[in-house]
Amino acid sequence: MWQRIPAFLRNKYMLAFLVLIVWLTFFDRNNFISQVKLGRTLSEQRVQKEFYQSEITRDSTALQEILSDTVSLEKFAREKYLMKKDNEDIFLVVEEEPEK
């Protein structure tokens, strides 16, 4: 009966190592599978962090430009909020998307 089992499985150290690997892969709270998923989530979060930091930098420079120059403030108000002077008319040009 023992002759049918391969030699590396009869070794008690190898058997303990295999049990440890199976335990760490599937049953442990911090198993390998969850560690890989957490690593992916962490890398996605780092990419999002870089994106938002660049957006914050871009917006803060735009805000500083708007607050420091009255011409850029007027341009911003006219473009974003459709503000106008008393003697002006505003015409909006809206492009329609073709139906499929």
PDB file of N, CA and C in Angstrom:
ATOM      1  N   MET A   1       0.819  -1.190   0.000  1.00  0.00           N
ATOM      2  CA  MET A   1       0.000   0.000   0.000  1.00  0.00           C
ATOM      3  C   MET A   1       0.867   1.260   0.000  1.00  0.00           C
ATOM      4  N   TRP A   2       1.870   1.341   0.851  1.00  0.00           N
ATOM      5  CA  TRP A   2       2.742   2.507   0.912  1.00  0.00           C
ATOM      6  C   TRP A   2       3.592   2.646  -0.345  1.00  0.00           C
ATOM      7  N   GLN A   3       3.732   1.556  -1.061  1.00  0.00           N
ATOM      8  CA  GLN A   3       4.569   1.588  -2.256  1.00  0.00           C
ATOM      9  C   GLN A   3       3.882   2.350  -3.403  1.00  0.00           C
ATOM     10  N   ARG A   4       2.569   2.422  -3.368  1.00  0.00           N
ATOM     11  CA  ARG A   4       1.829   3.118  -4.429  1.00  0.00           C
ATOM     12  C   ARG A   4       1.914   4.644  -4.276  1.00  0.00           C
ATOM     13  N   ILE A   5       2.111   5.149  -3.076  1.00  0.00           N
ATOM     14  CA  ILE A   5       2.188   6.591  -2.828  1.00  0.00           C
ATOM     15  C   ILE A   5       3.571   7.072  -3.265  1.00  0.00           C
ATOM     16  N   PRO A   6       3.637   8.167  -4.029  1.00  0.00           N
ATOM     17  CA  PRO A   6       4.952   8.668  -4.461  1.00  0.00           C
ATOM     18  C   PRO A   6       5.836   9.023  -3.264  1.00  0.00           C
ATOM     19  N   ALA A   7       7.111   8.989  -3.480  1.00  0.00           N
ATOM     20  CA  ALA A   7       8.077   9.179  -2.398  1.00  0.00           C
ATOM     21  C   ALA A   7       7.993  10.579  -1.787  1.00  0.00           C
ATOM     22  N   PHE A   8       7.746  11.591  -2.606  1.00  0.00           N
ATOM     23  CA  PHE A   8       7.714  12.949  -2.042  1.00  0.00           C
ATOM     24  C   PHE A   8       6.497  13.160  -1.145  1.00  0.00           C
ATOM     25  N   LEU A   9       5.419  12.387  -1.331  1.00  0.00           N
ATOM     26  CA  LEU A   9       4.258  12.498  -0.451  1.00  0.00           C
ATOM     27  C   LEU A   9       4.432  11.699   0.844  1.00  0.00           C
ATOM     28  N   ARG A  10       5.343  10.756   0.847  1.00  0.00           N
ATOM     29  CA  ARG A  10       5.621   9.991   2.061  1.00  0.00           C
ATOM     30  C   ARG A  10       6.520  10.766   3.019  1.00  0.00           C
ATOM     31  N   ASN A  11       7.190  11.779   2.509  1.00  0.00           N
ATOM     32  CA  ASN A  11       8.057  12.596   3.342  1.00  0.00           C
ATOM     33  C   ASN A  11       7.182  13.510   4.204  1.00  0.00           C
ATOM     34  N   LYS A  12       7.367  13.446   5.524  1.00  0.00           N
ATOM     35  CA  LYS A  12       6.489  14.201   6.422  1.00  0.00           C
ATOM     36  C   LYS A  12       6.697  15.704   6.303  1.00  0.00           C
ATOM     37  N   TYR A  13       7.884  16.143   5.952  1.00  0.00           N
ATOM     38  CA  TYR A  13       8.141  17.571   5.800  1.00  0.00           C
ATOM     39  C   TYR A  13       7.458  18.111   4.535  1.00  0.00           C
ATOM     40  N   MET A  14       7.525  17.346   3.473  1.00  0.00           N
ATOM     41  CA  MET A  14       6.867  17.751   2.233  1.00  0.00           C
ATOM     42  C   MET A  14       5.354  17.765   2.415  1.00  0.00           C
ATOM     43  N   LEU A  15       4.835  16.806   3.134  1.00  0.00           N
ATOM     44  CA  LEU A  15       3.402  16.747   3.399  1.00  0.00           C
ATOM     45  C   LEU A  15       2.957  17.948   4.251  1.00  0.00           C
ATOM     46  N   ALA A  16       3.749  18.303   5.248  1.00  0.00           N
ATOM     47  CA  ALA A  16       3.430  19.472   6.074  1.00  0.00           C
ATOM     48  C   ALA A  16       3.504  20.753   5.243  1.00  0.00           C
ATOM     49  N   PHE A  17       4.461  20.831   4.338  1.00  0.00           N
ATOM     50  CA  PHE A  17       4.595  21.994   3.463  1.00  0.00           C
ATOM     51  C   PHE A  17       3.387  22.119   2.539  1.00  0.00           C
ATOM     52  N   LEU A  18       2.931  21.022   1.970  1.00  0.00           N
ATOM     53  CA  LEU A  18       1.762  21.045   1.093  1.00  0.00           C
ATOM     54  C   LEU A  18       0.503  21.447   1.845  1.00  0.00           C
ATOM     55  N   VAL A  19       0.356  20.942   3.069  1.00  0.00           N
ATOM     56  CA  VAL A  19      -0.803  21.321   3.882  1.00  0.00           C
ATOM     57  C   VAL A  19      -0.752  22.823   4.185  1.00  0.00           C
ATOM     58  N   LEU A  20       0.430  23.340   4.504  1.00  0.00           N
ATOM     59  CA  LEU A  20       0.594  24.759   4.783  1.00  0.00           C
ATOM     60  C   LEU A  20       0.237  25.606   3.559  1.00  0.00           C
ATOM     61  N   ILE A  21       0.697  25.199   2.392  1.00  0.00           N
ATOM     62  CA  ILE A  21       0.399  25.938   1.164  1.00  0.00           C
ATOM     63  C   ILE A  21      -1.098  25.931   0.880  1.00  0.00           C
ATOM     64  N   VAL A  22      -1.742  24.791   1.032  1.00  0.00           N
ATOM     65  CA  VAL A  22      -3.191  24.716   0.807  1.00  0.00           C
ATOM     66  C   VAL A  22      -3.921  25.582   1.820  1.00  0.00           C
ATOM     67  N   TRP A  23      -3.496  25.549   3.058  1.00  0.00           N
ATOM     68  CA  TRP A  23      -4.134  26.358   4.097  1.00  0.00           C
ATOM     69  C   TRP A  23      -3.995  27.858   3.791  1.00  0.00           C
ATOM     70  N   LEU A  24      -2.786  28.290   3.420  1.00  0.00           N
ATOM     71  CA  LEU A  24      -2.563  29.707   3.133  1.00  0.00           C
ATOM     72  C   LEU A  24      -3.251  30.161   1.846  1.00  0.00           C
ATOM     73  N   THR A  25      -3.443  29.254   0.925  1.00  0.00           N
ATOM     74  CA  THR A  25      -4.074  29.620  -0.336  1.00  0.00           C
ATOM     75  C   THR A  25      -5.583  29.770  -0.200  1.00  0.00           C
ATOM     76  N   PHE A  26      -6.242  28.919   0.558  1.00  0.00           N
ATOM     77  CA  PHE A  26      -7.700  28.902   0.554  1.00  0.00           C
ATOM     78  C   PHE A  26      -8.361  29.242   1.887  1.00  0.00           C
ATOM     79  N   PHE A  27      -7.838  28.796   3.008  1.00  0.00           N
ATOM     80  CA  PHE A  27      -8.588  28.839   4.255  1.00  0.00           C
ATOM     81  C   PHE A  27      -8.208  29.965   5.209  1.00  0.00           C
ATOM     82  N   ASP A  28      -7.034  30.498   5.112  1.00  0.00           N
ATOM     83  CA  ASP A  28      -6.587  31.533   6.043  1.00  0.00           C
ATOM     84  C   ASP A  28      -7.333  32.835   5.792  1.00  0.00           C
ATOM     85  N   ARG A  29      -7.492  33.662   6.823  1.00  0.00           N
ATOM     86  CA  ARG A  29      -8.185  34.934   6.677  1.00  0.00           C
ATOM     87  C   ARG A  29      -7.446  35.849   5.707  1.00  0.00           C
ATOM     88  N   ASN A  30      -6.144  35.814   5.718  1.00  0.00           N
ATOM     89  CA  ASN A  30      -5.316  36.613   4.806  1.00  0.00           C
ATOM     90  C   ASN A  30      -4.727  35.723   3.716  1.00  0.00           C
ATOM     91  N   ASN A  31      -5.584  34.967   3.040  1.00  0.00           N
ATOM     92  CA  ASN A  31      -5.090  34.018   2.048  1.00  0.00           C
ATOM     93  C   ASN A  31      -4.539  34.725   0.816  1.00  0.00           C
ATOM     94  N   PHE A  32      -3.880  33.964  -0.025  1.00  0.00           N
ATOM     95  CA  PHE A  32      -3.222  34.519  -1.204  1.00  0.00           C
ATOM     96  C   PHE A  32      -4.221  35.136  -2.170  1.00  0.00           C
ATOM     97  N   ILE A  33      -5.375  34.531  -2.307  1.00  0.00           N
ATOM     98  CA  ILE A  33      -6.371  35.011  -3.252  1.00  0.00           C
ATOM     99  C   ILE A  33      -6.873  36.394  -2.836  1.00  0.00           C
ATOM    100  N   SER A  34      -7.181  36.557  -1.561  1.00  0.00           N
ATOM    101  CA  SER A  34      -7.643  37.877  -1.107  1.00  0.00           C
ATOM    102  C   SER A  34      -6.514  38.905  -1.165  1.00  0.00           C
ATOM    103  N   GLN A  35      -5.284  38.500  -0.961  1.00  0.00           N
ATOM    104  CA  GLN A  35      -4.153  39.418  -1.059  1.00  0.00           C
ATOM    105  C   GLN A  35      -3.988  39.935  -2.486  1.00  0.00           C
ATOM    106  N   VAL A  36      -4.213  39.075  -3.473  1.00  0.00           N
ATOM    107  CA  VAL A  36      -4.123  39.501  -4.871  1.00  0.00           C
ATOM    108  C   VAL A  36      -5.241  40.496  -5.177  1.00  0.00           C
ATOM    109  N   LYS A  37      -6.454  40.224  -4.704  1.00  0.00           N
ATOM    110  CA  LYS A  37      -7.571  41.143  -4.925  1.00  0.00           C
ATOM    111  C   LYS A  37      -7.313  42.482  -4.250  1.00  0.00           C
ATOM    112  N   LEU A  38      -6.792  42.458  -3.036  1.00  0.00           N
ATOM    113  CA  LEU A  38      -6.482  43.700  -2.330  1.00  0.00           C
ATOM    114  C   LEU A  38      -5.367  44.475  -3.024  1.00  0.00           C
ATOM    115  N   GLY A  39      -4.416  43.762  -3.598  1.00  0.00           N
ATOM    116  CA  GLY A  39      -3.341  44.429  -4.345  1.00  0.00           C
ATOM    117  C   GLY A  39      -3.872  45.136  -5.575  1.00  0.00           C
ATOM    118  N   ARG A  40      -4.810  44.501  -6.284  1.00  0.00           N
ATOM    119  CA  ARG A  40      -5.424  45.142  -7.449  1.00  0.00           C
ATOM    120  C   ARG A  40      -6.204  46.384  -7.028  1.00  0.00           C
ATOM    121  N   THR A  41      -6.962  46.262  -5.948  1.00  0.00           N
ATOM    122  CA  THR A  41      -7.736  47.401  -5.457  1.00  0.00           C
ATOM    123  C   THR A  41      -6.815  48.546  -5.062  1.00  0.00           C
ATOM    124  N   LEU A  42      -5.711  48.215  -4.415  1.00  0.00           N
ATOM    125  CA  LEU A  42      -4.751  49.237  -4.003  1.00  0.00           C
ATOM    126  C   LEU A  42      -4.162  49.962  -5.206  1.00  0.00           C
ATOM    127  N   SER A  43      -3.815  49.221  -6.254  1.00  0.00           N
ATOM    128  CA  SER A  43      -3.250  49.872  -7.438  1.00  0.00           C
ATOM    129  C   SER A  43      -4.289  50.756  -8.125  1.00  0.00           C
ATOM    130  N   GLU A  44      -5.548  50.326  -8.163  1.00  0.00           N
ATOM    131  CA  GLU A  44      -6.604  51.164  -8.737  1.00  0.00           C
ATOM    132  C   GLU A  44      -6.787  52.439  -7.913  1.00  0.00           C
ATOM    133  N   GLN A  45      -6.723  52.311  -6.584  1.00  0.00           N
ATOM    134  CA  GLN A  45      -6.866  53.470  -5.716  1.00  0.00           C
ATOM    135  C   GLN A  45      -5.706  54.447  -5.903  1.00  0.00           C
ATOM    136  N   ARG A  46      -4.510  53.940  -6.134  1.00  0.00           N
ATOM    137  CA  ARG A  46      -3.358  54.817  -6.369  1.00  0.00           C
ATOM    138  C   ARG A  46      -3.519  55.590  -7.668  1.00  0.00           C
ATOM    139  N   VAL A  47      -4.036  54.928  -8.706  1.00  0.00           N
ATOM    140  CA  VAL A  47      -4.274  55.606  -9.980  1.00  0.00           C
ATOM    141  C   VAL A  47      -5.325  56.700  -9.801  1.00  0.00           C
ATOM    142  N   GLN A  48      -6.394  56.390  -9.070  1.00  0.00           N
ATOM    143  CA  GLN A  48      -7.423  57.395  -8.816  1.00  0.00           C
ATOM    144  C   GLN A  48      -6.873  58.560  -8.001  1.00  0.00           C
ATOM    145  N   LYS A  49      -6.010  58.266  -7.048  1.00  0.00           N
ATOM    146  CA  LYS A  49      -5.409  59.320  -6.226  1.00  0.00           C
ATOM    147  C   LYS A  49      -4.592  60.275  -7.093  1.00  0.00           C
ATOM    148  N   GLU A  50      -3.789  59.725  -7.999  1.00  0.00           N
ATOM    149  CA  GLU A  50      -2.992  60.561  -8.897  1.00  0.00           C
ATOM    150  C   GLU A  50      -3.895  61.417  -9.781  1.00  0.00           C
ATOM    151  N   PHE A  51      -4.976  60.823 -10.287  1.00  0.00           N
ATOM    152  CA  PHE A  51      -5.911  61.564 -11.138  1.00  0.00           C
ATOM    153  C   PHE A  51      -6.520  62.731 -10.373  1.00  0.00           C
ATOM    154  N   TYR A  52      -7.014  62.468  -9.173  1.00  0.00           N
ATOM    155  CA  TYR A  52      -7.657  63.520  -8.407  1.00  0.00           C
ATOM    156  C   TYR A  52      -6.665  64.597  -7.954  1.00  0.00           C
ATOM    157  N   GLN A  53      -5.443  64.212  -7.676  1.00  0.00           N
ATOM    158  CA  GLN A  53      -4.446  65.215  -7.322  1.00  0.00           C
ATOM    159  C   GLN A  53      -4.138  66.125  -8.509  1.00  0.00           C
ATOM    160  N   SER A  54      -4.070  65.554  -9.700  1.00  0.00           N
ATOM    161  CA  SER A  54      -3.843  66.391 -10.884  1.00  0.00           C
ATOM    162  C   SER A  54      -5.044  67.292 -11.145  1.00  0.00           C
ATOM    163  N   GLU A  55      -6.250  66.788 -10.918  1.00  0.00           N
ATOM    164  CA  GLU A  55      -7.452  67.614 -11.083  1.00  0.00           C
ATOM    165  C   GLU A  55      -7.472  68.756 -10.062  1.00  0.00           C
ATOM    166  N   ILE A  56      -7.088  68.477  -8.843  1.00  0.00           N
ATOM    167  CA  ILE A  56      -7.034  69.513  -7.806  1.00  0.00           C
ATOM    168  C   ILE A  56      -6.026  70.583  -8.201  1.00  0.00           C
ATOM    169  N   THR A  57      -4.889  70.176  -8.702  1.00  0.00           N
ATOM    170  CA  THR A  57      -3.865  71.134  -9.129  1.00  0.00           C
ATOM    171  C   THR A  57      -4.373  71.992 -10.278  1.00  0.00           C
ATOM    172  N   ARG A  58      -5.006  71.353 -11.256  1.00  0.00           N
ATOM    173  CA  ARG A  58      -5.535  72.083 -12.411  1.00  0.00           C
ATOM    174  C   ARG A  58      -6.618  73.075 -11.978  1.00  0.00           C
ATOM    175  N   ASP A  59      -7.525  72.632 -11.118  1.00  0.00           N
ATOM    176  CA  ASP A  59      -8.608  73.501 -10.669  1.00  0.00           C
ATOM    177  C   ASP A  59      -8.103  74.647  -9.792  1.00  0.00           C
ATOM    178  N   SER A  60      -7.118  74.374  -8.969  1.00  0.00           N
ATOM    179  CA  SER A  60      -6.597  75.444  -8.110  1.00  0.00           C
ATOM    180  C   SER A  60      -5.875  76.506  -8.934  1.00  0.00           C
ATOM    181  N   THR A  61      -5.168  76.099  -9.993  1.00  0.00           N
ATOM    182  CA  THR A  61      -4.529  77.109 -10.853  1.00  0.00           C
ATOM    183  C   THR A  61      -5.578  77.902 -11.617  1.00  0.00           C
ATOM    184  N   ALA A  62      -6.638  77.247 -12.071  1.00  0.00           N
ATOM    185  CA  ALA A  62      -7.718  77.967 -12.759  1.00  0.00           C
ATOM    186  C   ALA A  62      -8.411  78.930 -11.805  1.00  0.00           C
ATOM    187  N   LEU A  63      -8.639  78.508 -10.576  1.00  0.00           N
ATOM    188  CA  LEU A  63      -9.266  79.379  -9.580  1.00  0.00           C
ATOM    189  C   LEU A  63      -8.384  80.580  -9.281  1.00  0.00           C
ATOM    190  N   GLN A  64      -7.097  80.343  -9.142  1.00  0.00           N
ATOM    191  CA  GLN A  64      -6.170  81.445  -8.877  1.00  0.00           C
ATOM    192  C   GLN A  64      -6.166  82.433 -10.036  1.00  0.00           C
ATOM    193  N   GLU A  65      -6.227  81.922 -11.263  1.00  0.00           N
ATOM    194  CA  GLU A  65      -6.265  82.795 -12.442  1.00  0.00           C
ATOM    195  C   GLU A  65      -7.553  83.612 -12.470  1.00  0.00           C
ATOM    196  N   ILE A  66      -8.665  82.979 -12.147  1.00  0.00           N
ATOM    197  CA  ILE A  66      -9.950  83.679 -12.156  1.00  0.00           C
ATOM    198  C   ILE A  66      -9.994  84.760 -11.082  1.00  0.00           C
ATOM    199  N   LEU A  67      -9.500  84.441  -9.901  1.00  0.00           N
ATOM    200  CA  LEU A  67      -9.558  85.401  -8.805  1.00  0.00           C
ATOM    201  C   LEU A  67      -8.577  86.555  -8.965  1.00  0.00           C
ATOM    202  N   SER A  68      -7.535  86.378  -9.753  1.00  0.00           N
ATOM    203  CA  SER A  68      -6.523  87.427  -9.870  1.00  0.00           C
ATOM    204  C   SER A  68      -6.779  88.365 -11.045  1.00  0.00           C
ATOM    205  N   ASP A  69      -7.555  87.952 -12.032  1.00  0.00           N
ATOM    206  CA  ASP A  69      -7.735  88.761 -13.232  1.00  0.00           C
ATOM    207  C   ASP A  69      -9.223  88.977 -13.484  1.00  0.00           C
ATOM    208  N   THR A  70      -9.639  90.228 -13.640  1.00  0.00           N
ATOM    209  CA  THR A  70     -11.063  90.514 -13.854  1.00  0.00           C
ATOM    210  C   THR A  70     -11.521  90.110 -15.249  1.00  0.00           C
ATOM    211  N   VAL A  71     -10.627  90.158 -16.218  1.00  0.00           N
ATOM    212  CA  VAL A  71     -10.986  89.760 -17.584  1.00  0.00           C
ATOM    213  C   VAL A  71     -11.287  88.267 -17.632  1.00  0.00           C
ATOM    214  N   SER A  72     -10.457  87.467 -16.991  1.00  0.00           N
ATOM    215  CA  SER A  72     -10.704  86.027 -16.980  1.00  0.00           C
ATOM    216  C   SER A  72     -11.931  85.681 -16.142  1.00  0.00           C
ATOM    217  N   LEU A  73     -12.202  86.475 -15.105  1.00  0.00           N
ATOM    218  CA  LEU A  73     -13.411  86.260 -14.309  1.00  0.00           C
ATOM    219  C   LEU A  73     -14.658  86.516 -15.143  1.00  0.00           C
ATOM    220  N   GLU A  74     -14.643  87.591 -15.927  1.00  0.00           N
ATOM    221  CA  GLU A  74     -15.784  87.886 -16.793  1.00  0.00           C
ATOM    222  C   GLU A  74     -15.956  86.798 -17.860  1.00  0.00           C
ATOM    223  N   LYS A  75     -14.863  86.358 -18.439  1.00  0.00           N
ATOM    224  CA  LYS A  75     -14.918  85.294 -19.454  1.00  0.00           C
ATOM    225  C   LYS A  75     -15.494  84.017 -18.854  1.00  0.00           C
ATOM    226  N   PHE A  76     -15.048  83.662 -17.663  1.00  0.00           N
ATOM    227  CA  PHE A  76     -15.556  82.459 -16.996  1.00  0.00           C
ATOM    228  C   PHE A  76     -17.054  82.574 -16.728  1.00  0.00           C
ATOM    229  N   ALA A  77     -17.498  83.733 -16.231  1.00  0.00           N
ATOM    230  CA  ALA A  77     -18.919  83.923 -15.920  1.00  0.00           C
ATOM    231  C   ALA A  77     -19.758  83.873 -17.180  1.00  0.00           C
ATOM    232  N   ARG A  78     -19.263  84.428 -18.268  1.00  0.00           N
ATOM    233  CA  ARG A  78     -20.025  84.404 -19.519  1.00  0.00           C
ATOM    234  C   ARG A  78     -20.115  82.991 -20.093  1.00  0.00           C
ATOM    235  N   GLU A  79     -19.023  82.228 -20.031  1.00  0.00           N
ATOM    236  CA  GLU A  79     -19.018  80.891 -20.636  1.00  0.00           C
ATOM    237  C   GLU A  79     -19.775  79.871 -19.791  1.00  0.00           C
ATOM    238  N   LYS A  80     -19.539  79.869 -18.499  1.00  0.00           N
ATOM    239  CA  LYS A  80     -20.104  78.819 -17.648  1.00  0.00           C
ATOM    240  C   LYS A  80     -21.531  79.102 -17.203  1.00  0.00           C
ATOM    241  N   TYR A  81     -21.806  80.350 -16.876  1.00  0.00           N
ATOM    242  CA  TYR A  81     -23.100  80.684 -16.284  1.00  0.00           C
ATOM    243  C   TYR A  81     -23.976  81.530 -17.202  1.00  0.00           C
ATOM    244  N   LEU A  82     -23.550  81.728 -18.445  1.00  0.00           N
ATOM    245  CA  LEU A  82     -24.305  82.452 -19.461  1.00  0.00           C
ATOM    246  C   LEU A  82     -24.732  83.847 -18.992  1.00  0.00           C
ATOM    247  N   MET A  83     -23.861  84.489 -18.260  1.00  0.00           N
ATOM    248  CA  MET A  83     -24.137  85.847 -17.813  1.00  0.00           C
ATOM    249  C   MET A  83     -23.910  86.806 -18.978  1.00  0.00           C
ATOM    250  N   LYS A  84     -24.659  87.928 -18.971  1.00  0.00           N
ATOM    251  CA  LYS A  84     -24.559  88.877 -20.071  1.00  0.00           C
ATOM    252  C   LYS A  84     -24.660  90.293 -19.534  1.00  0.00           C
ATOM    253  N   LYS A  85     -24.285  91.208 -20.379  1.00  0.00           N
ATOM    254  CA  LYS A  85     -24.462  92.618 -20.051  1.00  0.00           C
ATOM    255  C   LYS A  85     -25.894  93.015 -20.386  1.00  0.00           C
ATOM    256  N   ASP A  86     -26.292  94.192 -19.941  1.00  0.00           N
ATOM    257  CA  ASP A  86     -27.677  94.623 -20.127  1.00  0.00           C
ATOM    258  C   ASP A  86     -28.067  94.793 -21.588  1.00  0.00           C
ATOM    259  N   ASN A  87     -27.161  95.221 -22.413  1.00  0.00           N
ATOM    260  CA  ASN A  87     -27.501  95.508 -23.805  1.00  0.00           C
ATOM    261  C   ASN A  87     -27.122  94.349 -24.742  1.00  0.00           C
ATOM    262  N   GLU A  88     -26.970  93.153 -24.243  1.00  0.00           N
ATOM    263  CA  GLU A  88     -26.554  92.012 -25.065  1.00  0.00           C
ATOM    264  C   GLU A  88     -27.661  90.964 -25.120  1.00  0.00           C
ATOM    265  N   ASP A  89     -27.610  90.152 -26.179  1.00  0.00           N
ATOM    266  CA  ASP A  89     -28.455  88.971 -26.298  1.00  0.00           C
ATOM    267  C   ASP A  89     -27.544  87.769 -26.412  1.00  0.00           C
ATOM    268  N   ILE A  90     -27.982  86.636 -25.852  1.00  0.00           N
ATOM    269  CA  ILE A  90     -27.184  85.404 -25.900  1.00  0.00           C
ATOM    270  C   ILE A  90     -27.899  84.405 -26.791  1.00  0.00           C
ATOM    271  N   PHE A  91     -27.169  83.836 -27.717  1.00  0.00           N
ATOM    272  CA  PHE A  91     -27.693  82.794 -28.579  1.00  0.00           C
ATOM    273  C   PHE A  91     -26.903  81.520 -28.324  1.00  0.00           C
ATOM    274  N   LEU A  92     -27.594  80.455 -27.990  1.00  0.00           N
ATOM    275  CA  LEU A  92     -26.944  79.169 -27.754  1.00  0.00           C
ATOM    276  C   LEU A  92     -27.050  78.319 -29.003  1.00  0.00           C
ATOM    277  N   VAL A  93     -25.934  77.751 -29.410  1.00  0.00           N
ATOM    278  CA  VAL A  93     -25.911  76.850 -30.555  1.00  0.00           C
ATOM    279  C   VAL A  93     -25.710  75.448 -30.007  1.00  0.00           C
ATOM    280  N   VAL A  94     -26.715  74.603 -30.183  1.00  0.00           N
ATOM    281  CA  VAL A  94     -26.664  73.242 -29.668  1.00  0.00           C
ATOM    282  C   VAL A  94     -26.613  72.292 -30.855  1.00  0.00           C
ATOM    283  N   GLU A  95     -25.589  71.465 -30.878  1.00  0.00           N
ATOM    284  CA  GLU A  95     -25.473  70.486 -31.949  1.00  0.00           C
ATOM    285  C   GLU A  95     -26.242  69.228 -31.575  1.00  0.00           C
ATOM    286  N   GLU A  96     -27.075  68.767 -32.481  1.00  0.00           N
ATOM    287  CA  GLU A  96     -27.845  67.561 -32.227  1.00  0.00           C
ATOM    288  C   GLU A  96     -27.066  66.349 -32.706  1.00  0.00           C
ATOM    289  N   GLU A  97     -27.154  65.281 -31.954  1.00  0.00           N
ATOM    290  CA  GLU A  97     -26.491  64.049 -32.342  1.00  0.00           C
ATOM    291  C   GLU A  97     -27.411  63.278 -33.278  1.00  0.00           C
ATOM    292  N   PRO A  98     -26.868  62.712 -34.331  1.00  0.00           N
ATOM    293  CA  PRO A  98     -27.730  61.950 -35.258  1.00  0.00           C
ATOM    294  C   PRO A  98     -28.243  60.664 -34.593  1.00  0.00           C
ATOM    295  N   GLU A  99     -29.470  60.337 -34.907  1.00  0.00           N
ATOM    296  CA  GLU A  99     -30.044  59.110 -34.346  1.00  0.00           C
ATOM    297  C   GLU A  99     -29.515  57.906 -35.088  1.00  0.00           C
ATOM    298  N   LYS A 100     -29.384  56.815 -34.373  1.00  0.00           N
ATOM    299  CA  LYS A 100     -28.852  55.588 -34.976  1.00  0.00           C
ATOM    300  C   LYS A 100     -29.961  54.690 -35.437  1.00  0.00           C
TER     301      LYS A 100
END
